[in-house]
Amino acid sequence: MLLEALKAETRIDGMFYSVQSAQRAECDRSHHDEWIKPSDIRVLNRINELWPHNILHVCGYEHYQNDLEY
């Protein structure tokens, strides 16, 4: 995985990871929970295992607001 290569081959202290909650009708809560959330959680957990200093950015745009319950 890219994360392991970054850890092994660089001297970075942490990771900046950006996610986005479901903000379209085609990507409702059910879709988000089945397809997006599991991969985000897997990546975030691995990032936290590899580095002590990490930043999570929850992205939103236009008139959409982030639903942090996701």
PDB file of N, CA and C in Angstrom:
ATOM      1  N   MET A   1       0.846  -1.179   0.000  1.00  0.00           N
ATOM      2  CA  MET A   1       0.000   0.000   0.000  1.00  0.00           C
ATOM      3  C   MET A   1       0.887   1.237   0.000  1.00  0.00           C
ATOM      4  N   LEU A   2       0.396   2.284  -0.560  1.00  0.00           N
ATOM      5  CA  LEU A   2       1.128   3.544  -0.636  1.00  0.00           C
ATOM      6  C   LEU A   2       1.564   4.033   0.746  1.00  0.00           C
ATOM      7  N   LEU A   3       0.724   3.853   1.735  1.00  0.00           N
ATOM      8  CA  LEU A   3       1.067   4.338   3.073  1.00  0.00           C
ATOM      9  C   LEU A   3       2.339   3.688   3.603  1.00  0.00           C
ATOM     10  N   GLU A   4       2.471   2.394   3.407  1.00  0.00           N
ATOM     11  CA  GLU A   4       3.666   1.698   3.875  1.00  0.00           C
ATOM     12  C   GLU A   4       4.912   2.186   3.148  1.00  0.00           C
ATOM     13  N   ALA A   5       4.785   2.450   1.853  1.00  0.00           N
ATOM     14  CA  ALA A   5       5.923   2.973   1.088  1.00  0.00           C
ATOM     15  C   ALA A   5       6.307   4.360   1.586  1.00  0.00           C
ATOM     16  N   LEU A   6       5.329   5.196   1.861  1.00  0.00           N
ATOM     17  CA  LEU A   6       5.633   6.531   2.385  1.00  0.00           C
ATOM     18  C   LEU A   6       6.333   6.451   3.730  1.00  0.00           C
ATOM     19  N   LYS A   7       5.886   5.552   4.570  1.00  0.00           N
ATOM     20  CA  LYS A   7       6.501   5.392   5.887  1.00  0.00           C
ATOM     21  C   LYS A   7       7.943   4.897   5.751  1.00  0.00           C
ATOM     22  N   ALA A   8       8.156   3.937   4.872  1.00  0.00           N
ATOM     23  CA  ALA A   8       9.475   3.328   4.725  1.00  0.00           C
ATOM     24  C   ALA A   8      10.468   4.218   3.986  1.00  0.00           C
ATOM     25  N   GLU A   9       9.992   5.010   3.050  1.00  0.00           N
ATOM     26  CA  GLU A   9      10.900   5.719   2.148  1.00  0.00           C
ATOM     27  C   GLU A   9      10.968   7.228   2.360  1.00  0.00           C
ATOM     28  N   THR A  10      10.236   7.748   3.340  1.00  0.00           N
ATOM     29  CA  THR A  10      10.276   9.188   3.605  1.00  0.00           C
ATOM     30  C   THR A  10      10.464   9.432   5.097  1.00  0.00           C
ATOM     31  N   ARG A  11      10.582  10.691   5.441  1.00  0.00           N
ATOM     32  CA  ARG A  11      10.717  11.062   6.852  1.00  0.00           C
ATOM     33  C   ARG A  11       9.529  11.898   7.305  1.00  0.00           C
ATOM     34  N   ILE A  12       8.378  11.723   6.653  1.00  0.00           N
ATOM     35  CA  ILE A  12       7.212  12.520   7.037  1.00  0.00           C
ATOM     36  C   ILE A  12       6.756  12.141   8.446  1.00  0.00           C
ATOM     37  N   ASP A  13       6.170  13.131   9.145  1.00  0.00           N
ATOM     38  CA  ASP A  13       5.743  12.943  10.530  1.00  0.00           C
ATOM     39  C   ASP A  13       4.285  12.535  10.659  1.00  0.00           C
ATOM     40  N   GLY A  14       3.515  12.697   9.579  1.00  0.00           N
ATOM     41  CA  GLY A  14       2.094  12.401   9.657  1.00  0.00           C
ATOM     42  C   GLY A  14       1.458  12.512   8.289  1.00  0.00           C
ATOM     43  N   MET A  15       0.141  12.426   8.293  1.00  0.00           N
ATOM     44  CA  MET A  15      -0.600  12.398   7.040  1.00  0.00           C
ATOM     45  C   MET A  15      -1.776  13.370   7.106  1.00  0.00           C
ATOM     46  N   PHE A  16      -2.063  14.004   5.975  1.00  0.00           N
ATOM     47  CA  PHE A  16      -3.260  14.811   5.791  1.00  0.00           C
ATOM     48  C   PHE A  16      -4.197  13.982   4.933  1.00  0.00           C
ATOM     49  N   TYR A  17      -5.389  13.673   5.448  1.00  0.00           N
ATOM     50  CA  TYR A  17      -6.346  12.839   4.724  1.00  0.00           C
ATOM     51  C   TYR A  17      -7.649  13.600   4.603  1.00  0.00           C
ATOM     52  N   SER A  18      -8.169  13.682   3.407  1.00  0.00           N
ATOM     53  CA  SER A  18      -9.397  14.430   3.143  1.00  0.00           C
ATOM     54  C   SER A  18     -10.522  13.477   2.763  1.00  0.00           C
ATOM     55  N   VAL A  19     -11.663  13.635   3.408  1.00  0.00           N
ATOM     56  CA  VAL A  19     -12.848  12.836   3.099  1.00  0.00           C
ATOM     57  C   VAL A  19     -14.005  13.770   2.787  1.00  0.00           C
ATOM     58  N   GLN A  20     -15.045  13.196   2.233  1.00  0.00           N
ATOM     59  CA  GLN A  20     -16.225  13.986   1.896  1.00  0.00           C
ATOM     60  C   GLN A  20     -17.460  13.164   2.206  1.00  0.00           C
ATOM     61  N   SER A  21     -18.388  13.748   2.934  1.00  0.00           N
ATOM     62  CA  SER A  21     -19.626  13.026   3.207  1.00  0.00           C
ATOM     63  C   SER A  21     -20.490  13.000   1.952  1.00  0.00           C
ATOM     64  N   ALA A  22     -21.493  12.167   1.956  1.00  0.00           N
ATOM     65  CA  ALA A  22     -22.387  12.050   0.799  1.00  0.00           C
ATOM     66  C   ALA A  22     -23.121  13.368   0.585  1.00  0.00           C
ATOM     67  N   GLN A  23     -22.983  13.914  -0.605  1.00  0.00           N
ATOM     68  CA  GLN A  23     -23.572  15.217  -0.876  1.00  0.00           C
ATOM     69  C   GLN A  23     -24.368  15.248  -2.177  1.00  0.00           C
ATOM     70  N   ARG A  24     -24.755  14.098  -2.666  1.00  0.00           N
ATOM     71  CA  ARG A  24     -25.553  14.013  -3.880  1.00  0.00           C
ATOM     72  C   ARG A  24     -26.666  12.999  -3.659  1.00  0.00           C
ATOM     73  N   ALA A  25     -27.761  13.174  -4.371  1.00  0.00           N
ATOM     74  CA  ALA A  25     -28.877  12.240  -4.245  1.00  0.00           C
ATOM     75  C   ALA A  25     -28.463  10.818  -4.624  1.00  0.00           C
ATOM     76  N   GLU A  26     -27.537  10.689  -5.591  1.00  0.00           N
ATOM     77  CA  GLU A  26     -27.081   9.379  -6.037  1.00  0.00           C
ATOM     78  C   GLU A  26     -26.224   8.675  -4.988  1.00  0.00           C
ATOM     79  N   CYS A  27     -25.757   9.407  -4.027  1.00  0.00           N
ATOM     80  CA  CYS A  27     -24.904   8.842  -2.983  1.00  0.00           C
ATOM     81  C   CYS A  27     -25.547   9.146  -1.632  1.00  0.00           C
ATOM     82  N   ASP A  28     -26.571   8.376  -1.322  1.00  0.00           N
ATOM     83  CA  ASP A  28     -27.269   8.581  -0.065  1.00  0.00           C
ATOM     84  C   ASP A  28     -26.528   7.904   1.094  1.00  0.00           C
ATOM     85  N   ARG A  29     -27.101   7.959   2.250  1.00  0.00           N
ATOM     86  CA  ARG A  29     -26.465   7.406   3.451  1.00  0.00           C
ATOM     87  C   ARG A  29     -26.164   5.911   3.288  1.00  0.00           C
ATOM     88  N   SER A  30     -27.091   5.187   2.712  1.00  0.00           N
ATOM     89  CA  SER A  30     -26.900   3.754   2.522  1.00  0.00           C
ATOM     90  C   SER A  30     -25.704   3.462   1.616  1.00  0.00           C
ATOM     91  N   HIS A  31     -25.615   4.181   0.510  1.00  0.00           N
ATOM     92  CA  HIS A  31     -24.482   4.022  -0.412  1.00  0.00           C
ATOM     93  C   HIS A  31     -23.169   4.380   0.287  1.00  0.00           C
ATOM     94  N   HIS A  32     -23.193   5.485   1.001  1.00  0.00           N
ATOM     95  CA  HIS A  32     -22.007   5.931   1.729  1.00  0.00           C
ATOM     96  C   HIS A  32     -21.546   4.864   2.722  1.00  0.00           C
ATOM     97  N   ASP A  33     -22.477   4.330   3.500  1.00  0.00           N
ATOM     98  CA  ASP A  33     -22.122   3.347   4.519  1.00  0.00           C
ATOM     99  C   ASP A  33     -21.601   2.043   3.912  1.00  0.00           C
ATOM    100  N   GLU A  34     -22.106   1.679   2.740  1.00  0.00           N
ATOM    101  CA  GLU A  34     -21.675   0.428   2.118  1.00  0.00           C
ATOM    102  C   GLU A  34     -20.359   0.551   1.355  1.00  0.00           C
ATOM    103  N   TRP A  35     -20.146   1.680   0.649  1.00  0.00           N
ATOM    104  CA  TRP A  35     -19.014   1.778  -0.275  1.00  0.00           C
ATOM    105  C   TRP A  35     -17.909   2.736   0.158  1.00  0.00           C
ATOM    106  N   ILE A  36     -18.248   3.828   0.767  1.00  0.00           N
ATOM    107  CA  ILE A  36     -17.253   4.862   1.062  1.00  0.00           C
ATOM    108  C   ILE A  36     -16.680   4.721   2.474  1.00  0.00           C
ATOM    109  N   LYS A  37     -17.552   4.618   3.438  1.00  0.00           N
ATOM    110  CA  LYS A  37     -17.120   4.574   4.834  1.00  0.00           C
ATOM    111  C   LYS A  37     -16.125   3.449   5.131  1.00  0.00           C
ATOM    112  N   PRO A  38     -16.359   2.205   4.668  1.00  0.00           N
ATOM    113  CA  PRO A  38     -15.396   1.143   5.002  1.00  0.00           C
ATOM    114  C   PRO A  38     -13.971   1.428   4.518  1.00  0.00           C
ATOM    115  N   SER A  39     -13.829   1.975   3.324  1.00  0.00           N
ATOM    116  CA  SER A  39     -12.472   2.253   2.834  1.00  0.00           C
ATOM    117  C   SER A  39     -11.858   3.432   3.577  1.00  0.00           C
ATOM    118  N   ASP A  40     -12.656   4.452   3.876  1.00  0.00           N
ATOM    119  CA  ASP A  40     -12.121   5.572   4.656  1.00  0.00           C
ATOM    120  C   ASP A  40     -11.663   5.110   6.030  1.00  0.00           C
ATOM    121  N   ILE A  41     -12.456   4.297   6.693  1.00  0.00           N
ATOM    122  CA  ILE A  41     -12.091   3.802   8.029  1.00  0.00           C
ATOM    123  C   ILE A  41     -10.825   2.956   7.953  1.00  0.00           C
ATOM    124  N   ARG A  42     -10.720   2.103   6.938  1.00  0.00           N
ATOM    125  CA  ARG A  42      -9.532   1.260   6.776  1.00  0.00           C
ATOM    126  C   ARG A  42      -8.280   2.114   6.591  1.00  0.00           C
ATOM    127  N   VAL A  43      -8.363   3.129   5.743  1.00  0.00           N
ATOM    128  CA  VAL A  43      -7.215   4.010   5.500  1.00  0.00           C
ATOM    129  C   VAL A  43      -6.892   4.823   6.746  1.00  0.00           C
ATOM    130  N   LEU A  44      -7.900   5.386   7.398  1.00  0.00           N
ATOM    131  CA  LEU A  44      -7.656   6.185   8.604  1.00  0.00           C
ATOM    132  C   LEU A  44      -7.027   5.354   9.712  1.00  0.00           C
ATOM    133  N   ASN A  45      -7.501   4.155   9.904  1.00  0.00           N
ATOM    134  CA  ASN A  45      -6.909   3.288  10.930  1.00  0.00           C
ATOM    135  C   ASN A  45      -5.447   2.999  10.624  1.00  0.00           C
ATOM    136  N   ARG A  46      -5.133   2.731   9.369  1.00  0.00           N
ATOM    137  CA  ARG A  46      -3.744   2.444   9.004  1.00  0.00           C
ATOM    138  C   ARG A  46      -2.865   3.672   9.172  1.00  0.00           C
ATOM    139  N   ILE A  47      -3.373   4.832   8.775  1.00  0.00           N
ATOM    140  CA  ILE A  47      -2.629   6.084   8.978  1.00  0.00           C
ATOM    141  C   ILE A  47      -2.298   6.260  10.457  1.00  0.00           C
ATOM    142  N   ASN A  48      -3.287   6.045  11.319  1.00  0.00           N
ATOM    143  CA  ASN A  48      -3.073   6.220  12.758  1.00  0.00           C
ATOM    144  C   ASN A  48      -2.122   5.189  13.339  1.00  0.00           C
ATOM    145  N   GLU A  49      -2.027   4.021  12.723  1.00  0.00           N
ATOM    146  CA  GLU A  49      -1.046   3.031  13.161  1.00  0.00           C
ATOM    147  C   GLU A  49       0.374   3.449  12.784  1.00  0.00           C
ATOM    148  N   LEU A  50       0.529   4.131  11.668  1.00  0.00           N
ATOM    149  CA  LEU A  50       1.856   4.450  11.146  1.00  0.00           C
ATOM    150  C   LEU A  50       2.436   5.766  11.664  1.00  0.00           C
ATOM    151  N   TRP A  51       1.580   6.763  11.949  1.00  0.00           N
ATOM    152  CA  TRP A  51       2.075   8.084  12.338  1.00  0.00           C
ATOM    153  C   TRP A  51       1.311   8.635  13.535  1.00  0.00           C
ATOM    154  N   PRO A  52       2.000   9.399  14.368  1.00  0.00           N
ATOM    155  CA  PRO A  52       1.337   9.989  15.533  1.00  0.00           C
ATOM    156  C   PRO A  52       0.675  11.340  15.244  1.00  0.00           C
ATOM    157  N   HIS A  53       1.032  11.993  14.140  1.00  0.00           N
ATOM    158  CA  HIS A  53       0.540  13.344  13.858  1.00  0.00           C
ATOM    159  C   HIS A  53      -0.222  13.342  12.541  1.00  0.00           C
ATOM    160  N   ASN A  54      -1.545  13.370  12.627  1.00  0.00           N
ATOM    161  CA  ASN A  54      -2.369  13.282  11.429  1.00  0.00           C
ATOM    162  C   ASN A  54      -3.475  14.322  11.464  1.00  0.00           C
ATOM    163  N   ILE A  55      -3.922  14.707  10.273  1.00  0.00           N
ATOM    164  CA  ILE A  55      -4.999  15.687  10.138  1.00  0.00           C
ATOM    165  C   ILE A  55      -6.075  15.082   9.254  1.00  0.00           C
ATOM    166  N   LEU A  56      -7.322  15.175   9.707  1.00  0.00           N
ATOM    167  CA  LEU A  56      -8.466  14.748   8.911  1.00  0.00           C
ATOM    168  C   LEU A  56      -9.208  15.998   8.462  1.00  0.00           C
ATOM    169  N   HIS A  57      -9.406  16.119   7.162  1.00  0.00           N
ATOM    170  CA  HIS A  57     -10.169  17.230   6.598  1.00  0.00           C
ATOM    171  C   HIS A  57     -11.470  16.669   6.045  1.00  0.00           C
ATOM    172  N   VAL A  58     -12.606  17.156   6.544  1.00  0.00           N
ATOM    173  CA  VAL A  58     -13.914  16.739   6.043  1.00  0.00           C
ATOM    174  C   VAL A  58     -14.383  17.821   5.085  1.00  0.00           C
ATOM    175  N   CYS A  59     -14.388  17.473   3.804  1.00  0.00           N
ATOM    176  CA  CYS A  59     -14.607  18.441   2.743  1.00  0.00           C
ATOM    177  C   CYS A  59     -16.091  18.651   2.468  1.00  0.00           C
ATOM    178  N   GLY A  60     -16.439  19.875   2.151  1.00  0.00           N
ATOM    179  CA  GLY A  60     -17.775  20.237   1.702  1.00  0.00           C
ATOM    180  C   GLY A  60     -17.647  21.318   0.652  1.00  0.00           C
ATOM    181  N   TYR A  61     -18.672  21.525  -0.120  1.00  0.00           N
ATOM    182  CA  TYR A  61     -18.612  22.553  -1.155  1.00  0.00           C
ATOM    183  C   TYR A  61     -20.008  23.076  -1.469  1.00  0.00           C
ATOM    184  N   GLU A  62     -20.032  24.202  -2.149  1.00  0.00           N
ATOM    185  CA  GLU A  62     -21.254  24.889  -2.557  1.00  0.00           C
ATOM    186  C   GLU A  62     -22.194  25.044  -1.379  1.00  0.00           C
ATOM    187  N   HIS A  63     -23.434  24.645  -1.525  1.00  0.00           N
ATOM    188  CA  HIS A  63     -24.445  24.824  -0.470  1.00  0.00           C
ATOM    189  C   HIS A  63     -24.550  23.616   0.448  1.00  0.00           C
ATOM    190  N   TYR A  64     -23.736  22.595   0.212  1.00  0.00           N
ATOM    191  CA  TYR A  64     -23.796  21.388   1.030  1.00  0.00           C
ATOM    192  C   TYR A  64     -23.132  21.604   2.393  1.00  0.00           C
ATOM    193  N   GLN A  65     -23.678  20.960   3.383  1.00  0.00           N
ATOM    194  CA  GLN A  65     -23.062  20.999   4.699  1.00  0.00           C
ATOM    195  C   GLN A  65     -22.659  19.589   5.082  1.00  0.00           C
ATOM    196  N   ASN A  66     -21.585  19.476   5.808  1.00  0.00           N
ATOM    197  CA  ASN A  66     -21.103  18.168   6.229  1.00  0.00           C
ATOM    198  C   ASN A  66     -22.003  17.582   7.295  1.00  0.00           C
ATOM    199  N   ASP A  67     -22.299  16.317   7.149  1.00  0.00           N
ATOM    200  CA  ASP A  67     -23.069  15.577   8.143  1.00  0.00           C
ATOM    201  C   ASP A  67     -22.079  14.710   8.892  1.00  0.00           C
ATOM    202  N   LEU A  68     -21.615  15.163  10.026  1.00  0.00           N
ATOM    203  CA  LEU A  68     -20.570  14.446  10.754  1.00  0.00           C
ATOM    204  C   LEU A  68     -21.072  13.146  11.388  1.00  0.00           C
ATOM    205  N   GLU A  69     -22.367  12.892  11.306  1.00  0.00           N
ATOM    206  CA  GLU A  69     -22.913  11.614  11.763  1.00  0.00           C
ATOM    207  C   GLU A  69     -22.459  10.498  10.848  1.00  0.00           C
ATOM    208  N   TYR A  70     -22.118  10.803   9.605  1.00  0.00           N
ATOM    209  CA  TYR A  70     -21.668   9.781   8.666  1.00  0.00           C
ATOM    210  C   TYR A  70     -20.392   9.205   9.183  1.00  0.00           C
TER     211      TYR A  70
END
